[in-house]
């Protein structure tokens, strides 16, 4: 699905990634007891912040997986899909390919 939204300046549109629904013991956790995930995929980015008359490009790009703070950003809903709009400075970590592979091996 293509999102037709362009965030302004240093803002980023993020789709939260769903966490696993079971605990280590195999117990299924209901939706009402789960916290919202702090990991997401970048869906759209702004052109960058302007400092001293020059535009500074963002460090993330569309498709990157990121981690962000628990209480950051603004939640919006587009076509029954929930998104989060963050400033680039609210992004804590960009998850690389090696980190994705390492987290899957347990």
N, C-alpha and C. Protein backbone atom coordinates (compact mmCIF):
# COMPACT_ATOMS: atom_id res chain seq x y z
N UNK A 1 0.84 -1.18 0.00
CA UNK A 1 0.00 0.00 0.00
C UNK A 1 0.88 1.24 0.00
N UNK A 2 0.59 2.18 -0.87
CA UNK A 2 1.36 3.40 -0.96
C UNK A 2 0.67 4.50 -0.17
N UNK A 3 1.44 5.18 0.64
CA UNK A 3 0.91 6.27 1.45
C UNK A 3 1.18 7.57 0.70
N UNK A 4 0.13 8.37 0.48
CA UNK A 4 0.27 9.64 -0.23
C UNK A 4 0.37 10.80 0.75
N UNK A 5 1.32 10.69 1.66
CA UNK A 5 1.56 11.74 2.65
C UNK A 5 3.03 12.10 2.60
N UNK A 6 3.31 13.39 2.59
CA UNK A 6 4.70 13.85 2.65
C UNK A 6 4.86 14.67 3.92
N UNK A 7 5.57 14.14 4.91
CA UNK A 7 5.81 14.92 6.14
C UNK A 7 6.64 16.16 5.81
N UNK A 8 6.47 17.19 6.62
CA UNK A 8 7.22 18.43 6.41
C UNK A 8 8.51 18.43 7.22
N UNK A 9 9.51 19.09 6.68
CA UNK A 9 10.80 19.34 7.33
C UNK A 9 11.45 18.05 7.84
N UNK A 10 11.70 17.94 9.17
CA UNK A 10 12.42 16.78 9.71
C UNK A 10 11.46 15.75 10.32
N UNK A 11 10.25 15.69 9.82
CA UNK A 11 9.28 14.73 10.36
C UNK A 11 9.28 13.45 9.54
N UNK A 12 8.88 12.35 10.21
CA UNK A 12 8.91 11.02 9.62
C UNK A 12 7.57 10.34 9.90
N UNK A 13 7.00 9.68 8.90
CA UNK A 13 5.78 8.89 9.06
C UNK A 13 6.18 7.44 9.29
N UNK A 14 5.71 6.85 10.40
CA UNK A 14 6.13 5.52 10.82
C UNK A 14 4.91 4.62 11.01
N UNK A 15 5.03 3.37 10.56
CA UNK A 15 4.02 2.34 10.83
C UNK A 15 4.60 1.44 11.90
N UNK A 16 3.88 1.30 13.02
CA UNK A 16 4.37 0.44 14.11
C UNK A 16 4.41 -1.01 13.65
N UNK A 17 5.44 -1.73 14.07
CA UNK A 17 5.55 -3.16 13.80
C UNK A 17 4.94 -3.93 14.96
N UNK A 18 4.17 -4.93 14.67
CA UNK A 18 3.49 -5.71 15.71
C UNK A 18 4.48 -6.61 16.44
N UNK A 19 4.31 -6.72 17.76
CA UNK A 19 5.14 -7.60 18.56
C UNK A 19 4.53 -9.00 18.58
N UNK A 20 5.29 -9.97 19.04
CA UNK A 20 4.79 -11.33 19.17
C UNK A 20 3.66 -11.36 20.19
N UNK A 21 2.69 -12.26 19.98
CA UNK A 21 1.52 -12.31 20.86
C UNK A 21 1.66 -13.29 22.01
N UNK A 22 2.76 -14.05 22.05
CA UNK A 22 2.91 -15.03 23.12
C UNK A 22 4.13 -14.70 23.97
N UNK A 23 4.04 -15.04 25.25
CA UNK A 23 5.16 -14.85 26.16
C UNK A 23 6.08 -16.07 26.07
N UNK A 24 7.21 -16.05 26.79
CA UNK A 24 8.16 -17.16 26.74
C UNK A 24 7.54 -18.48 27.17
N UNK A 25 6.61 -18.45 28.11
CA UNK A 25 5.96 -19.67 28.59
C UNK A 25 4.86 -20.17 27.68
N UNK A 26 4.61 -19.49 26.56
CA UNK A 26 3.59 -19.91 25.63
C UNK A 26 2.22 -19.30 25.94
N UNK A 27 2.16 -18.39 26.91
CA UNK A 27 0.89 -17.76 27.27
C UNK A 27 0.56 -16.69 26.24
N UNK A 28 -0.67 -16.71 25.76
CA UNK A 28 -1.10 -15.71 24.79
C UNK A 28 -1.54 -14.46 25.54
N UNK A 29 -0.98 -13.32 25.14
CA UNK A 29 -1.28 -12.05 25.80
C UNK A 29 -2.40 -11.36 25.04
N UNK A 30 -3.51 -11.00 25.71
CA UNK A 30 -4.61 -10.32 25.00
C UNK A 30 -4.22 -8.91 24.57
N UNK A 31 -4.91 -8.41 23.54
CA UNK A 31 -4.62 -7.08 23.00
C UNK A 31 -4.72 -5.98 24.05
N UNK A 32 -5.66 -6.12 24.98
CA UNK A 32 -5.86 -5.07 25.99
C UNK A 32 -4.71 -4.98 26.97
N UNK A 33 -3.93 -6.04 27.13
CA UNK A 33 -2.82 -6.04 28.09
C UNK A 33 -1.48 -5.70 27.44
N UNK A 34 -1.43 -5.68 26.11
CA UNK A 34 -0.18 -5.41 25.42
C UNK A 34 0.12 -3.92 25.36
N UNK A 35 1.39 -3.59 25.46
CA UNK A 35 1.83 -2.21 25.24
C UNK A 35 2.05 -2.02 23.75
N UNK A 36 1.94 -0.78 23.30
CA UNK A 36 2.18 -0.50 21.89
C UNK A 36 3.67 -0.67 21.62
N UNK A 37 4.00 -1.29 20.49
CA UNK A 37 5.41 -1.51 20.17
C UNK A 37 6.16 -0.20 19.95
N UNK A 38 7.45 -0.22 20.27
CA UNK A 38 8.30 0.95 20.09
C UNK A 38 9.22 0.77 18.89
N UNK A 39 8.85 -0.15 18.01
CA UNK A 39 9.61 -0.40 16.79
C UNK A 39 8.69 -0.15 15.61
N UNK A 40 9.24 0.44 14.55
CA UNK A 40 8.41 0.73 13.40
C UNK A 40 9.20 0.77 12.11
N UNK A 41 8.45 0.91 11.02
CA UNK A 41 9.04 1.02 9.69
C UNK A 41 8.75 2.41 9.15
N UNK A 42 9.77 3.06 8.60
CA UNK A 42 9.61 4.40 8.03
C UNK A 42 8.84 4.28 6.72
N UNK A 43 7.72 4.99 6.64
CA UNK A 43 6.87 4.95 5.45
C UNK A 43 7.07 6.17 4.54
N UNK A 44 7.38 7.33 5.13
CA UNK A 44 7.62 8.56 4.36
C UNK A 44 8.48 9.50 5.20
N UNK A 45 9.26 10.34 4.52
CA UNK A 45 10.13 11.28 5.24
C UNK A 45 9.97 12.67 4.64
N UNK A 46 10.27 13.67 5.45
CA UNK A 46 10.28 15.05 4.98
C UNK A 46 11.60 15.36 4.27
N UNK A 47 11.72 16.58 3.79
CA UNK A 47 12.91 16.99 3.03
C UNK A 47 14.10 17.28 3.93
N UNK A 48 13.87 17.52 5.21
CA UNK A 48 14.96 17.81 6.13
C UNK A 48 14.81 19.16 6.78
N UNK A 49 15.55 19.36 7.86
CA UNK A 49 15.51 20.60 8.63
C UNK A 49 16.38 21.65 7.96
N UNK A 50 15.96 22.90 8.06
CA UNK A 50 16.76 24.00 7.51
C UNK A 50 17.51 24.68 8.66
N UNK A 51 18.84 24.68 8.56
CA UNK A 51 19.70 25.34 9.54
C UNK A 51 20.67 26.25 8.82
N UNK A 52 20.72 27.50 9.24
CA UNK A 52 21.62 28.51 8.67
C UNK A 52 21.45 28.60 7.14
N UNK A 53 20.21 28.50 6.69
CA UNK A 53 19.93 28.64 5.27
C UNK A 53 20.20 27.41 4.43
N UNK A 54 20.66 26.32 5.03
CA UNK A 54 20.94 25.09 4.29
C UNK A 54 20.02 23.98 4.78
N UNK A 55 19.56 23.14 3.88
CA UNK A 55 18.70 22.01 4.24
C UNK A 55 19.57 20.83 4.63
N UNK A 56 19.31 20.29 5.82
CA UNK A 56 20.05 19.13 6.34
C UNK A 56 19.20 17.88 6.08
N UNK A 57 19.66 16.95 5.24
CA UNK A 57 18.86 15.75 4.95
C UNK A 57 18.74 14.84 6.17
N UNK A 58 17.71 14.01 6.17
CA UNK A 58 17.48 13.09 7.28
C UNK A 58 18.43 11.89 7.21
N UNK A 59 18.70 11.29 8.37
CA UNK A 59 19.58 10.12 8.44
C UNK A 59 18.83 8.82 8.15
N UNK A 60 17.50 8.86 8.13
CA UNK A 60 16.71 7.65 7.84
C UNK A 60 16.10 7.78 6.47
N UNK A 61 15.72 6.64 5.89
CA UNK A 61 15.07 6.63 4.59
C UNK A 61 13.85 5.71 4.64
N UNK A 62 13.01 5.78 3.65
CA UNK A 62 11.81 4.94 3.59
C UNK A 62 12.24 3.48 3.58
N UNK A 63 11.58 2.69 4.43
CA UNK A 63 11.89 1.26 4.52
C UNK A 63 12.76 0.91 5.72
N UNK A 64 13.42 1.89 6.34
CA UNK A 64 14.26 1.62 7.51
C UNK A 64 13.41 1.18 8.69
N UNK A 65 13.95 0.26 9.51
CA UNK A 65 13.33 -0.10 10.78
C UNK A 65 13.97 0.75 11.86
N UNK A 66 13.12 1.31 12.73
CA UNK A 66 13.63 2.21 13.77
C UNK A 66 13.03 1.86 15.12
N UNK A 67 13.68 2.35 16.17
CA UNK A 67 13.15 2.29 17.53
C UNK A 67 12.93 3.72 17.99
N UNK A 68 11.83 3.94 18.73
CA UNK A 68 11.51 5.27 19.20
C UNK A 68 10.99 5.19 20.62
N UNK A 69 10.92 6.32 21.29
CA UNK A 69 10.47 6.38 22.68
C UNK A 69 9.01 6.02 22.84
N UNK A 70 8.65 5.63 24.04
CA UNK A 70 7.31 5.16 24.34
C UNK A 70 6.25 6.24 24.17
N UNK A 71 6.54 7.47 24.54
CA UNK A 71 5.54 8.53 24.54
C UNK A 71 5.86 9.63 23.53
N UNK A 72 6.46 9.28 22.42
CA UNK A 72 6.84 10.28 21.41
C UNK A 72 5.88 10.26 20.24
N UNK A 73 5.87 11.34 19.49
CA UNK A 73 5.12 11.41 18.25
C UNK A 73 3.64 11.67 18.41
N UNK A 74 2.97 11.79 17.27
CA UNK A 74 1.53 12.01 17.20
C UNK A 74 0.91 10.88 16.40
N UNK A 75 -0.11 10.24 16.96
CA UNK A 75 -0.76 9.13 16.27
C UNK A 75 -1.83 9.67 15.32
N UNK A 76 -1.86 9.09 14.11
CA UNK A 76 -2.89 9.43 13.13
C UNK A 76 -3.42 8.14 12.52
N UNK A 77 -4.57 8.21 11.88
CA UNK A 77 -5.14 7.05 11.20
C UNK A 77 -5.48 7.43 9.77
N UNK A 78 -4.99 6.62 8.83
CA UNK A 78 -5.24 6.84 7.41
C UNK A 78 -5.71 5.52 6.82
N UNK A 79 -6.88 5.52 6.20
CA UNK A 79 -7.44 4.32 5.57
C UNK A 79 -7.43 3.13 6.53
N UNK A 80 -7.92 3.33 7.75
CA UNK A 80 -8.00 2.29 8.78
C UNK A 80 -6.65 1.72 9.19
N UNK A 81 -5.57 2.42 8.91
CA UNK A 81 -4.23 2.00 9.31
C UNK A 81 -3.67 3.08 10.24
N UNK A 82 -3.09 2.66 11.39
CA UNK A 82 -2.53 3.62 12.33
C UNK A 82 -1.08 3.92 11.99
N UNK A 83 -0.73 5.20 12.07
CA UNK A 83 0.63 5.66 11.82
C UNK A 83 1.04 6.59 12.96
N UNK A 84 2.32 6.88 12.98
CA UNK A 84 2.89 7.77 13.98
C UNK A 84 3.74 8.80 13.24
N UNK A 85 3.59 10.07 13.57
CA UNK A 85 4.45 11.11 13.00
C UNK A 85 5.44 11.54 14.07
N UNK A 86 6.73 11.39 13.75
CA UNK A 86 7.81 11.72 14.68
C UNK A 86 8.72 12.77 14.08
N UNK A 87 9.40 13.51 14.93
CA UNK A 87 10.52 14.33 14.48
C UNK A 87 11.73 13.39 14.42
N UNK A 88 12.68 13.70 13.57
CA UNK A 88 13.87 12.84 13.45
C UNK A 88 14.60 12.72 14.79
N UNK A 89 14.61 13.78 15.58
CA UNK A 89 15.32 13.74 16.87
C UNK A 89 14.64 12.81 17.88
N UNK A 90 13.40 12.39 17.64
CA UNK A 90 12.71 11.45 18.52
C UNK A 90 13.04 9.99 18.21
N UNK A 91 13.71 9.77 17.10
CA UNK A 91 14.13 8.41 16.73
C UNK A 91 15.38 8.07 17.53
N UNK A 92 15.33 6.93 18.22
CA UNK A 92 16.44 6.54 19.08
C UNK A 92 17.50 5.74 18.33
N UNK A 93 17.05 4.80 17.49
CA UNK A 93 17.97 3.87 16.83
C UNK A 93 17.45 3.50 15.46
N UNK A 94 18.36 3.35 14.51
CA UNK A 94 18.03 2.77 13.21
C UNK A 94 18.53 1.33 13.26
N UNK A 95 17.64 0.36 13.05
CA UNK A 95 17.99 -1.06 13.16
C UNK A 95 18.55 -1.52 11.83
N UNK A 96 19.80 -2.01 11.84
CA UNK A 96 20.45 -2.44 10.61
C UNK A 96 20.11 -3.89 10.30
N UNK A 97 20.53 -4.37 9.15
CA UNK A 97 20.28 -5.75 8.74
C UNK A 97 20.90 -6.77 9.67
N UNK A 98 22.09 -6.49 10.20
CA UNK A 98 22.74 -7.42 11.12
C UNK A 98 21.97 -7.53 12.43
N UNK A 99 21.44 -6.42 12.92
CA UNK A 99 20.68 -6.44 14.16
C UNK A 99 19.37 -7.20 13.99
N UNK A 100 18.75 -7.09 12.81
CA UNK A 100 17.51 -7.83 12.54
C UNK A 100 17.79 -9.33 12.58
N UNK A 101 18.89 -9.75 11.93
CA UNK A 101 19.22 -11.17 11.89
C UNK A 101 19.58 -11.69 13.27
N UNK A 102 20.31 -10.92 14.03
CA UNK A 102 20.71 -11.34 15.38
C UNK A 102 19.52 -11.48 16.32
N UNK A 103 18.55 -10.58 16.19
CA UNK A 103 17.38 -10.64 17.07
C UNK A 103 16.49 -11.84 16.75
N UNK A 104 16.55 -12.36 15.54
CA UNK A 104 15.73 -13.50 15.17
C UNK A 104 16.30 -14.83 15.62
N UNK A 105 17.56 -14.90 16.00
CA UNK A 105 18.21 -16.15 16.43
C UNK A 105 18.15 -16.29 17.94
N UNK A 106 17.23 -17.12 18.44
CA UNK A 106 17.15 -17.37 19.88
C UNK A 106 16.97 -18.82 20.14
